[in-house]
Amino acid sequence: MAIADIESTTDEEDAAITAAALADPDNPPLTEKFWKNARPLSPERLRRMRGQRGPQKSKPVKNRVSLRLDPDVVAFFRKKGTGWQSRINDALRKVAKLPVRPKAAKR
């Protein structure tokens, strides 16, 4: 919406927009409780929120690679849920006749 549109909005239109925004369950209004509990966002926390994992805590045991796979192969492994990338790794180890590595302890 351009500034000219905002300035020409009638009180009735503004009330209708506000009522629709307040009724939106996916976007509730920010309350005093929200602002009281709000914390500054550190660069580390922002990085984690974006889905970027930190460095491996122990010695690096995995290599990050970019790999193109057929969509049906990815769908086959993903349909079984979380851990699909580990299952691909296990399948590749089996085909390459490499020894099975012990599973890491779950946190």
N, C-alpha and C. Protein backbone atom coordinates (compact mmCIF):
# COMPACT_ATOMS: atom_id res chain seq x y z
N MET A 1 0.85 -1.18 0.00
CA MET A 1 0.00 0.00 0.00
C MET A 1 0.89 1.24 0.00
N ALA A 2 0.62 2.14 -0.87
CA ALA A 2 1.41 3.36 -0.96
C ALA A 2 0.97 4.35 0.12
N ILE A 3 1.82 5.30 0.42
CA ILE A 3 1.50 6.29 1.45
C ILE A 3 0.22 7.04 1.10
N ALA A 4 0.04 7.33 -0.18
CA ALA A 4 -1.18 8.04 -0.60
C ALA A 4 -2.42 7.20 -0.29
N ASP A 5 -2.32 5.88 -0.46
CA ASP A 5 -3.46 5.01 -0.14
C ASP A 5 -3.75 5.03 1.36
N ILE A 6 -2.70 5.00 2.16
CA ILE A 6 -2.88 5.01 3.62
C ILE A 6 -3.54 6.32 4.06
N GLU A 7 -3.07 7.41 3.49
CA GLU A 7 -3.62 8.71 3.87
C GLU A 7 -5.07 8.86 3.43
N SER A 8 -5.47 8.17 2.34
CA SER A 8 -6.85 8.32 1.86
C SER A 8 -7.79 7.26 2.43
N THR A 9 -7.29 6.39 3.33
CA THR A 9 -8.14 5.36 3.93
C THR A 9 -9.16 6.01 4.85
N THR A 10 -10.41 5.61 4.69
CA THR A 10 -11.46 6.16 5.55
C THR A 10 -11.41 5.50 6.92
N ASP A 11 -12.09 6.11 7.89
CA ASP A 11 -12.15 5.54 9.25
C ASP A 11 -12.82 4.16 9.22
N GLU A 12 -13.82 3.98 8.37
CA GLU A 12 -14.51 2.69 8.27
C GLU A 12 -13.57 1.62 7.71
N GLU A 13 -12.80 1.96 6.67
CA GLU A 13 -11.84 1.02 6.09
C GLU A 13 -10.76 0.66 7.11
N ASP A 14 -10.28 1.67 7.83
CA ASP A 14 -9.26 1.43 8.84
C ASP A 14 -9.79 0.51 9.94
N ALA A 15 -11.03 0.73 10.37
CA ALA A 15 -11.63 -0.11 11.40
C ALA A 15 -11.79 -1.54 10.90
N ALA A 16 -12.18 -1.71 9.64
CA ALA A 16 -12.35 -3.06 9.07
C ALA A 16 -11.00 -3.77 8.98
N ILE A 17 -9.96 -3.05 8.58
CA ILE A 17 -8.61 -3.64 8.48
C ILE A 17 -8.12 -4.04 9.87
N THR A 18 -8.32 -3.15 10.84
CA THR A 18 -7.88 -3.44 12.21
C THR A 18 -8.63 -4.64 12.78
N ALA A 19 -9.96 -4.71 12.55
CA ALA A 19 -10.75 -5.84 13.06
C ALA A 19 -10.29 -7.14 12.43
N ALA A 20 -10.00 -7.12 11.14
CA ALA A 20 -9.53 -8.33 10.46
C ALA A 20 -8.17 -8.77 11.01
N ALA A 21 -7.29 -7.80 11.26
CA ALA A 21 -5.97 -8.13 11.81
C ALA A 21 -6.09 -8.71 13.21
N LEU A 22 -6.95 -8.16 14.04
CA LEU A 22 -7.14 -8.66 15.40
C LEU A 22 -7.77 -10.05 15.42
N ALA A 23 -8.56 -10.37 14.40
CA ALA A 23 -9.23 -11.67 14.34
C ALA A 23 -8.35 -12.76 13.73
N ASP A 24 -7.19 -12.40 13.21
CA ASP A 24 -6.31 -13.36 12.56
C ASP A 24 -5.62 -14.24 13.62
N PRO A 25 -5.94 -15.54 13.68
CA PRO A 25 -5.34 -16.41 14.69
C PRO A 25 -3.85 -16.65 14.47
N ASP A 26 -3.37 -16.46 13.24
CA ASP A 26 -1.96 -16.67 12.96
C ASP A 26 -1.10 -15.46 13.29
N ASN A 27 -1.72 -14.35 13.65
CA ASN A 27 -0.97 -13.13 13.92
C ASN A 27 -1.62 -12.37 15.06
N PRO A 28 -1.56 -12.92 16.29
CA PRO A 28 -2.20 -12.23 17.41
C PRO A 28 -1.48 -10.93 17.73
N PRO A 29 -2.18 -9.97 18.32
CA PRO A 29 -1.53 -8.70 18.66
C PRO A 29 -0.47 -8.92 19.75
N LEU A 30 0.57 -8.10 19.73
CA LEU A 30 1.62 -8.19 20.73
C LEU A 30 1.13 -7.53 22.02
N THR A 31 1.27 -8.25 23.12
CA THR A 31 0.77 -7.77 24.40
C THR A 31 1.92 -7.24 25.25
N GLU A 32 1.58 -6.63 26.39
CA GLU A 32 2.60 -6.18 27.33
C GLU A 32 3.42 -7.35 27.84
N LYS A 33 2.77 -8.51 28.04
CA LYS A 33 3.48 -9.71 28.49
C LYS A 33 4.56 -10.11 27.47
N PHE A 34 4.23 -10.02 26.18
CA PHE A 34 5.20 -10.34 25.14
C PHE A 34 6.42 -9.43 25.27
N TRP A 35 6.19 -8.13 25.36
CA TRP A 35 7.30 -7.18 25.41
C TRP A 35 8.10 -7.31 26.69
N LYS A 36 7.44 -7.70 27.81
CA LYS A 36 8.15 -7.88 29.07
C LYS A 36 9.11 -9.07 28.98
N ASN A 37 8.73 -10.11 28.22
CA ASN A 37 9.55 -11.32 28.08
C ASN A 37 10.50 -11.27 26.88
N ALA A 38 10.44 -10.21 26.10
CA ALA A 38 11.27 -10.12 24.89
C ALA A 38 12.75 -9.99 25.28
N ARG A 39 13.60 -10.63 24.48
CA ARG A 39 15.05 -10.56 24.70
C ARG A 39 15.71 -10.08 23.42
N PRO A 40 16.86 -9.41 23.56
CA PRO A 40 17.60 -9.03 22.35
C PRO A 40 18.04 -10.29 21.60
N LEU A 41 18.11 -10.20 20.31
CA LEU A 41 18.47 -11.33 19.47
C LEU A 41 19.96 -11.26 19.14
N SER A 42 20.72 -12.21 19.70
CA SER A 42 22.16 -12.25 19.44
C SER A 42 22.41 -12.82 18.05
N PRO A 43 23.54 -12.51 17.43
CA PRO A 43 23.86 -13.08 16.11
C PRO A 43 23.86 -14.61 16.14
N GLU A 44 24.34 -15.22 17.23
CA GLU A 44 24.36 -16.68 17.34
C GLU A 44 22.93 -17.24 17.35
N ARG A 45 22.05 -16.62 18.12
CA ARG A 45 20.67 -17.10 18.19
C ARG A 45 19.97 -16.92 16.84
N LEU A 46 20.23 -15.81 16.17
CA LEU A 46 19.65 -15.57 14.85
C LEU A 46 20.12 -16.64 13.86
N ARG A 47 21.41 -16.97 13.91
CA ARG A 47 21.95 -17.99 13.02
C ARG A 47 21.26 -19.33 13.25
N ARG A 48 21.03 -19.68 14.52
CA ARG A 48 20.37 -20.94 14.82
C ARG A 48 18.90 -20.92 14.40
N MET A 49 18.25 -19.76 14.54
CA MET A 49 16.85 -19.66 14.13
C MET A 49 16.71 -19.86 12.63
N ARG A 50 17.72 -19.49 11.89
CA ARG A 50 17.68 -19.65 10.43
C ARG A 50 17.94 -21.09 10.02
N GLY A 51 18.15 -21.97 10.99
CA GLY A 51 18.34 -23.37 10.68
C GLY A 51 19.78 -23.75 10.41
N GLN A 52 20.70 -22.88 10.72
CA GLN A 52 22.10 -23.20 10.49
C GLN A 52 22.66 -23.77 11.78
N ARG A 53 23.14 -24.98 11.71
CA ARG A 53 23.68 -25.63 12.89
C ARG A 53 25.08 -25.12 13.17
N GLY A 54 25.47 -25.20 14.41
CA GLY A 54 26.80 -24.79 14.81
C GLY A 54 27.82 -25.86 14.47
N PRO A 55 29.07 -25.62 14.82
CA PRO A 55 30.11 -26.60 14.54
C PRO A 55 29.89 -27.88 15.34
N GLN A 56 30.42 -28.99 14.84
CA GLN A 56 30.30 -30.25 15.56
C GLN A 56 31.05 -30.12 16.88
N LYS A 57 30.43 -30.62 17.94
CA LYS A 57 30.99 -30.44 19.27
C LYS A 57 32.24 -31.30 19.48
N SER A 58 32.29 -32.49 18.95
CA SER A 58 33.48 -33.32 19.07
C SER A 58 34.28 -33.17 17.78
N LYS A 59 35.28 -34.01 17.60
CA LYS A 59 36.06 -33.92 16.37
C LYS A 59 35.12 -34.10 15.17
N PRO A 60 35.32 -33.38 14.11
CA PRO A 60 34.42 -33.52 12.96
C PRO A 60 34.39 -34.97 12.45
N VAL A 61 33.20 -35.53 12.41
CA VAL A 61 33.06 -36.90 11.95
C VAL A 61 32.28 -36.98 10.63
N LYS A 62 31.70 -35.88 10.21
CA LYS A 62 30.93 -35.87 8.97
C LYS A 62 31.44 -34.75 8.07
N ASN A 63 31.34 -34.95 6.77
CA ASN A 63 31.67 -33.93 5.79
C ASN A 63 30.39 -33.41 5.17
N ARG A 64 30.29 -32.11 5.04
CA ARG A 64 29.13 -31.51 4.39
C ARG A 64 29.37 -31.57 2.88
N VAL A 65 28.41 -32.12 2.16
CA VAL A 65 28.50 -32.18 0.71
C VAL A 65 27.19 -31.74 0.09
N SER A 66 27.26 -31.32 -1.13
CA SER A 66 26.06 -31.02 -1.89
C SER A 66 25.91 -32.13 -2.91
N LEU A 67 24.76 -32.76 -2.90
CA LEU A 67 24.55 -33.95 -3.71
C LEU A 67 23.19 -33.86 -4.38
N ARG A 68 23.15 -34.11 -5.67
CA ARG A 68 21.86 -34.10 -6.39
C ARG A 68 21.37 -35.54 -6.51
N LEU A 69 20.16 -35.76 -6.01
CA LEU A 69 19.56 -37.08 -6.05
C LEU A 69 18.24 -36.99 -6.80
N ASP A 70 17.82 -38.11 -7.37
CA ASP A 70 16.52 -38.15 -8.04
C ASP A 70 15.42 -37.90 -7.02
N PRO A 71 14.35 -37.19 -7.44
CA PRO A 71 13.27 -36.87 -6.51
C PRO A 71 12.64 -38.10 -5.85
N ASP A 72 12.51 -39.20 -6.61
CA ASP A 72 11.88 -40.38 -6.02
C ASP A 72 12.77 -41.03 -4.97
N VAL A 73 14.10 -40.90 -5.12
CA VAL A 73 15.02 -41.43 -4.12
C VAL A 73 14.88 -40.63 -2.83
N VAL A 74 14.86 -39.31 -2.93
CA VAL A 74 14.70 -38.47 -1.76
C VAL A 74 13.34 -38.73 -1.10
N ALA A 75 12.28 -38.84 -1.90
CA ALA A 75 10.95 -39.10 -1.36
C ALA A 75 10.91 -40.42 -0.61
N PHE A 76 11.58 -41.45 -1.15
CA PHE A 76 11.61 -42.76 -0.50
C PHE A 76 12.19 -42.66 0.91
N PHE A 77 13.31 -41.95 1.07
CA PHE A 77 13.94 -41.85 2.37
C PHE A 77 13.21 -40.87 3.30
N ARG A 78 12.69 -39.79 2.74
CA ARG A 78 12.01 -38.78 3.56
C ARG A 78 10.68 -39.29 4.12
N LYS A 79 10.01 -40.16 3.39
CA LYS A 79 8.67 -40.57 3.83
C LYS A 79 8.71 -41.33 5.16
N LYS A 80 9.88 -41.81 5.53
CA LYS A 80 10.00 -42.52 6.81
C LYS A 80 10.31 -41.57 7.96
N GLY A 81 10.36 -40.28 7.68
CA GLY A 81 10.50 -39.30 8.76
C GLY A 81 11.91 -38.84 9.02
N THR A 82 12.10 -38.29 10.23
CA THR A 82 13.40 -37.73 10.58
C THR A 82 14.48 -38.80 10.54
N GLY A 83 15.67 -38.36 10.26
CA GLY A 83 16.79 -39.28 10.14
C GLY A 83 16.99 -39.78 8.72
N TRP A 84 16.28 -39.19 7.77
CA TRP A 84 16.35 -39.68 6.39
C TRP A 84 17.76 -39.53 5.81
N GLN A 85 18.48 -38.47 6.18
CA GLN A 85 19.83 -38.30 5.66
C GLN A 85 20.76 -39.37 6.23
N SER A 86 20.56 -39.73 7.49
CA SER A 86 21.37 -40.81 8.08
C SER A 86 21.06 -42.14 7.41
N ARG A 87 19.80 -42.35 7.04
CA ARG A 87 19.45 -43.60 6.35
C ARG A 87 20.10 -43.66 4.97
N ILE A 88 20.20 -42.51 4.28
CA ILE A 88 20.91 -42.48 3.00
C ILE A 88 22.38 -42.82 3.24
N ASN A 89 22.97 -42.24 4.28
CA ASN A 89 24.36 -42.52 4.62
C ASN A 89 24.55 -44.02 4.89
N ASP A 90 23.63 -44.62 5.66
CA ASP A 90 23.71 -46.05 5.95
C ASP A 90 23.61 -46.89 4.68
N ALA A 91 22.71 -46.50 3.77
CA ALA A 91 22.54 -47.24 2.51
C ALA A 91 23.80 -47.14 1.65
N LEU A 92 24.41 -45.97 1.61
CA LEU A 92 25.65 -45.80 0.85
C LEU A 92 26.79 -46.63 1.46
N ARG A 93 26.87 -46.67 2.79
CA ARG A 93 27.89 -47.49 3.45
C ARG A 93 27.70 -48.96 3.09
N LYS A 94 26.44 -49.41 3.06
CA LYS A 94 26.15 -50.81 2.76
C LYS A 94 26.55 -51.15 1.33
N VAL A 95 26.19 -50.30 0.37
CA VAL A 95 26.53 -50.53 -1.04
C VAL A 95 28.04 -50.49 -1.25
N ALA A 96 28.73 -49.60 -0.53
CA ALA A 96 30.18 -49.48 -0.66
C ALA A 96 30.91 -50.56 0.15
N LYS A 97 30.14 -51.39 0.85
CA LYS A 97 30.69 -52.46 1.69
C LYS A 97 31.68 -51.91 2.74
N LEU A 98 31.26 -50.80 3.36
CA LEU A 98 32.05 -50.21 4.43
C LEU A 98 31.50 -50.69 5.78
N PRO A 99 32.33 -50.74 6.80
CA PRO A 99 31.84 -51.21 8.11
C PRO A 99 30.77 -50.27 8.66
N VAL A 100 29.85 -50.82 9.41
CA VAL A 100 28.77 -50.04 10.03
C VAL A 100 29.38 -49.24 11.18
N ARG A 101 29.08 -47.95 11.21
CA ARG A 101 29.58 -47.10 12.29
C ARG A 101 28.60 -47.14 13.45
N PRO A 102 29.08 -47.08 14.68
CA PRO A 102 28.17 -47.05 15.82
C PRO A 102 27.32 -45.77 15.80
N LYS A 103 26.10 -45.91 16.24
CA LYS A 103 25.18 -44.76 16.27
C LYS A 103 25.60 -43.81 17.36
N ALA A 104 25.46 -42.51 17.11
CA ALA A 104 25.77 -41.49 18.11
C ALA A 104 24.68 -41.50 19.17
N ALA A 105 25.04 -41.16 20.38
CA ALA A 105 24.07 -41.09 21.47
C ALA A 105 23.10 -39.95 21.21
N LYS A 106 21.82 -40.20 21.47
CA LYS A 106 20.80 -39.15 21.28
C LYS A 106 20.84 -38.19 22.43
N ARG A 107 20.59 -36.92 22.12
CA ARG A 107 20.57 -35.89 23.16
C ARG A 107 19.18 -35.64 23.63
